[in-house]
Amino acid sequence: MKKIALATALSLAATSAFAGGVVEPAMEPEVVAAKTSSSSGGILIPLLLLIVVAAAIASSGGSDTPT
């Protein structure tokens, strides 16, 4: 019985010894938030959309009757 216990203890010690080598920890890259260059970026797209809609209304001609 002692031999079985000794063999089990040695086999467990041997498997943990050969389980792997020393590995350097993987460092995660630091995430840096990019800052916007100006504060007028939020108004630019709605302003352009308003100009496009106004141009579409102005170029409609206003005549709905077919000729």
N, C-alpha and C. Protein backbone atom coordinates (compact mmCIF):
# COMPACT_ATOMS: atom_id res chain seq x y z
N MET A 1 0.82 -1.19 0.00
CA MET A 1 0.00 0.00 0.00
C MET A 1 0.87 1.26 0.00
N LYS A 2 2.00 1.17 0.73
CA LYS A 2 2.89 2.32 0.78
C LYS A 2 3.52 2.58 -0.59
N LYS A 3 3.77 1.52 -1.32
CA LYS A 3 4.37 1.67 -2.65
C LYS A 3 3.40 2.35 -3.60
N ILE A 4 2.14 2.03 -3.50
CA ILE A 4 1.13 2.65 -4.38
C ILE A 4 1.00 4.14 -4.04
N ALA A 5 1.00 4.45 -2.76
CA ALA A 5 0.90 5.84 -2.34
C ALA A 5 2.14 6.62 -2.77
N LEU A 6 3.33 6.01 -2.66
CA LEU A 6 4.56 6.66 -3.07
C LEU A 6 4.58 6.85 -4.58
N ALA A 7 4.15 5.86 -5.32
CA ALA A 7 4.10 5.97 -6.78
C ALA A 7 3.11 7.05 -7.21
N THR A 8 1.99 7.16 -6.54
CA THR A 8 1.00 8.18 -6.86
C THR A 8 1.55 9.58 -6.56
N ALA A 9 2.21 9.72 -5.43
CA ALA A 9 2.78 11.01 -5.06
C ALA A 9 3.87 11.42 -6.04
N LEU A 10 4.70 10.49 -6.44
CA LEU A 10 5.77 10.81 -7.39
C LEU A 10 5.22 11.13 -8.77
N SER A 11 4.18 10.43 -9.18
CA SER A 11 3.61 10.71 -10.50
C SER A 11 2.93 12.07 -10.53
N LEU A 12 2.26 12.44 -9.44
CA LEU A 12 1.66 13.77 -9.37
C LEU A 12 2.71 14.87 -9.35
N ALA A 13 3.80 14.64 -8.65
CA ALA A 13 4.89 15.62 -8.60
C ALA A 13 5.56 15.76 -9.96
N ALA A 14 5.69 14.64 -10.67
CA ALA A 14 6.36 14.67 -11.97
C ALA A 14 5.49 15.39 -13.01
N THR A 15 4.17 15.19 -12.96
CA THR A 15 3.32 15.84 -13.95
C THR A 15 3.24 17.34 -13.72
N SER A 16 3.28 17.78 -12.49
CA SER A 16 3.26 19.23 -12.24
C SER A 16 4.60 19.86 -12.58
N ALA A 17 5.68 19.10 -12.48
CA ALA A 17 6.99 19.63 -12.82
C ALA A 17 7.14 19.82 -14.32
N PHE A 18 6.51 18.97 -15.13
CA PHE A 18 6.62 19.06 -16.58
C PHE A 18 5.37 19.66 -17.22
N ALA A 19 4.54 20.30 -16.43
CA ALA A 19 3.28 20.83 -16.96
C ALA A 19 3.51 22.01 -17.89
N GLY A 20 4.56 22.73 -17.74
CA GLY A 20 4.84 23.87 -18.61
C GLY A 20 6.03 24.64 -18.10
N GLY A 21 6.51 25.53 -18.93
CA GLY A 21 7.66 26.31 -18.55
C GLY A 21 7.24 27.66 -17.99
N VAL A 22 8.26 28.45 -17.69
CA VAL A 22 8.01 29.78 -17.19
C VAL A 22 7.63 30.66 -18.37
N VAL A 23 6.48 31.28 -18.28
CA VAL A 23 5.98 32.11 -19.37
C VAL A 23 5.83 33.53 -18.86
N GLU A 24 6.29 34.49 -19.66
CA GLU A 24 6.13 35.89 -19.28
C GLU A 24 4.66 36.25 -19.37
N PRO A 25 4.17 37.04 -18.44
CA PRO A 25 2.75 37.43 -18.50
C PRO A 25 2.48 38.31 -19.71
N ALA A 26 1.34 38.09 -20.34
CA ALA A 26 0.97 38.87 -21.52
C ALA A 26 0.41 40.21 -21.07
N MET A 27 1.00 41.28 -21.54
CA MET A 27 0.55 42.61 -21.18
C MET A 27 -0.47 43.09 -22.21
N GLU A 28 -1.61 43.57 -21.73
CA GLU A 28 -2.62 44.09 -22.64
C GLU A 28 -2.24 45.50 -23.06
N PRO A 29 -2.46 45.84 -24.33
CA PRO A 29 -2.12 47.20 -24.77
C PRO A 29 -3.03 48.23 -24.12
N GLU A 30 -2.47 49.39 -23.83
CA GLU A 30 -3.24 50.44 -23.19
C GLU A 30 -4.09 51.16 -24.23
N VAL A 31 -5.36 51.31 -23.93
CA VAL A 31 -6.29 51.96 -24.85
C VAL A 31 -6.27 53.45 -24.57
N VAL A 32 -6.00 54.23 -25.62
CA VAL A 32 -5.94 55.68 -25.48
C VAL A 32 -7.10 56.26 -26.29
N ALA A 33 -7.93 57.06 -25.65
CA ALA A 33 -9.06 57.68 -26.34
C ALA A 33 -8.57 58.90 -27.12
N ALA A 34 -8.93 58.95 -28.40
CA ALA A 34 -8.54 60.07 -29.24
C ALA A 34 -9.48 61.24 -28.99
N LYS A 35 -8.92 62.42 -28.88
CA LYS A 35 -9.72 63.60 -28.65
C LYS A 35 -10.06 64.25 -29.98
N THR A 36 -11.25 64.84 -30.05
CA THR A 36 -11.67 65.51 -31.28
C THR A 36 -10.91 66.81 -31.44
N SER A 37 -10.75 67.24 -32.68
CA SER A 37 -9.96 68.43 -32.95
C SER A 37 -10.75 69.71 -32.69
N SER A 38 -12.07 69.67 -32.87
CA SER A 38 -12.86 70.87 -32.61
C SER A 38 -14.23 70.47 -32.10
N SER A 39 -14.93 71.44 -31.51
CA SER A 39 -16.26 71.16 -30.97
C SER A 39 -17.36 71.39 -31.99
N SER A 40 -17.03 71.90 -33.18
CA SER A 40 -18.05 72.19 -34.19
C SER A 40 -18.36 70.97 -35.05
N GLY A 41 -17.78 69.83 -34.77
CA GLY A 41 -18.02 68.63 -35.57
C GLY A 41 -19.43 68.10 -35.44
N GLY A 42 -20.10 68.34 -34.31
CA GLY A 42 -21.45 67.85 -34.09
C GLY A 42 -22.50 68.65 -34.83
N ILE A 43 -22.21 69.86 -35.22
CA ILE A 43 -23.19 70.71 -35.90
C ILE A 43 -23.00 70.68 -37.41
N LEU A 44 -21.88 70.20 -37.89
CA LEU A 44 -21.57 70.26 -39.31
C LEU A 44 -22.50 69.39 -40.14
N ILE A 45 -22.75 68.16 -39.75
CA ILE A 45 -23.59 67.25 -40.54
C ILE A 45 -25.05 67.72 -40.57
N PRO A 46 -25.67 68.11 -39.45
CA PRO A 46 -27.05 68.62 -39.57
C PRO A 46 -27.16 69.89 -40.40
N LEU A 47 -26.13 70.74 -40.35
CA LEU A 47 -26.14 71.96 -41.16
C LEU A 47 -26.07 71.62 -42.64
N LEU A 48 -25.23 70.66 -43.02
CA LEU A 48 -25.16 70.24 -44.42
C LEU A 48 -26.47 69.60 -44.87
N LEU A 49 -27.09 68.82 -44.00
CA LEU A 49 -28.37 68.20 -44.33
C LEU A 49 -29.44 69.26 -44.55
N LEU A 50 -29.45 70.30 -43.73
CA LEU A 50 -30.40 71.38 -43.89
C LEU A 50 -30.20 72.11 -45.21
N ILE A 51 -28.96 72.32 -45.61
CA ILE A 51 -28.66 72.98 -46.89
C ILE A 51 -29.14 72.12 -48.05
N VAL A 52 -28.93 70.82 -47.99
CA VAL A 52 -29.37 69.92 -49.06
C VAL A 52 -30.89 69.91 -49.17
N VAL A 53 -31.59 69.87 -48.05
CA VAL A 53 -33.06 69.87 -48.08
C VAL A 53 -33.57 71.20 -48.62
N ALA A 54 -32.97 72.31 -48.22
CA ALA A 54 -33.38 73.61 -48.73
C ALA A 54 -33.13 73.72 -50.23
N ALA A 55 -32.05 73.17 -50.72
CA ALA A 55 -31.77 73.19 -52.16
C ALA A 55 -32.76 72.33 -52.92
N ALA A 56 -33.17 71.20 -52.34
CA ALA A 56 -34.14 70.33 -53.00
C ALA A 56 -35.51 71.00 -53.07
N ILE A 57 -35.88 71.71 -52.02
CA ILE A 57 -37.17 72.41 -52.03
C ILE A 57 -37.14 73.57 -53.03
N ALA A 58 -36.03 74.28 -53.09
CA ALA A 58 -35.93 75.44 -54.00
C ALA A 58 -35.90 75.00 -55.45
N SER A 59 -35.40 73.84 -55.75
CA SER A 59 -35.31 73.41 -57.15
C SER A 59 -36.51 72.61 -57.62
N SER A 60 -37.52 72.49 -56.77
CA SER A 60 -38.69 71.68 -57.18
C SER A 60 -39.53 72.35 -58.24
N GLY A 61 -39.48 73.65 -58.38
CA GLY A 61 -40.21 74.34 -59.43
C GLY A 61 -41.58 74.80 -59.03
N GLY A 62 -42.26 74.12 -58.15
CA GLY A 62 -43.56 74.53 -57.66
C GLY A 62 -44.72 74.20 -58.57
N SER A 63 -44.54 73.60 -59.71
CA SER A 63 -45.62 73.28 -60.64
C SER A 63 -45.98 71.80 -60.46
N ASP A 64 -47.22 71.57 -60.00
CA ASP A 64 -47.67 70.19 -59.77
C ASP A 64 -48.57 69.68 -60.90
N THR A 65 -49.05 70.54 -61.79
CA THR A 65 -49.96 70.11 -62.85
C THR A 65 -49.17 69.62 -64.05
N PRO A 66 -49.54 68.48 -64.60
CA PRO A 66 -48.83 67.99 -65.79
C PRO A 66 -49.22 68.79 -67.03
N THR A 67 -48.30 68.95 -67.96
CA THR A 67 -48.59 69.71 -69.17
C THR A 67 -48.69 68.82 -70.38
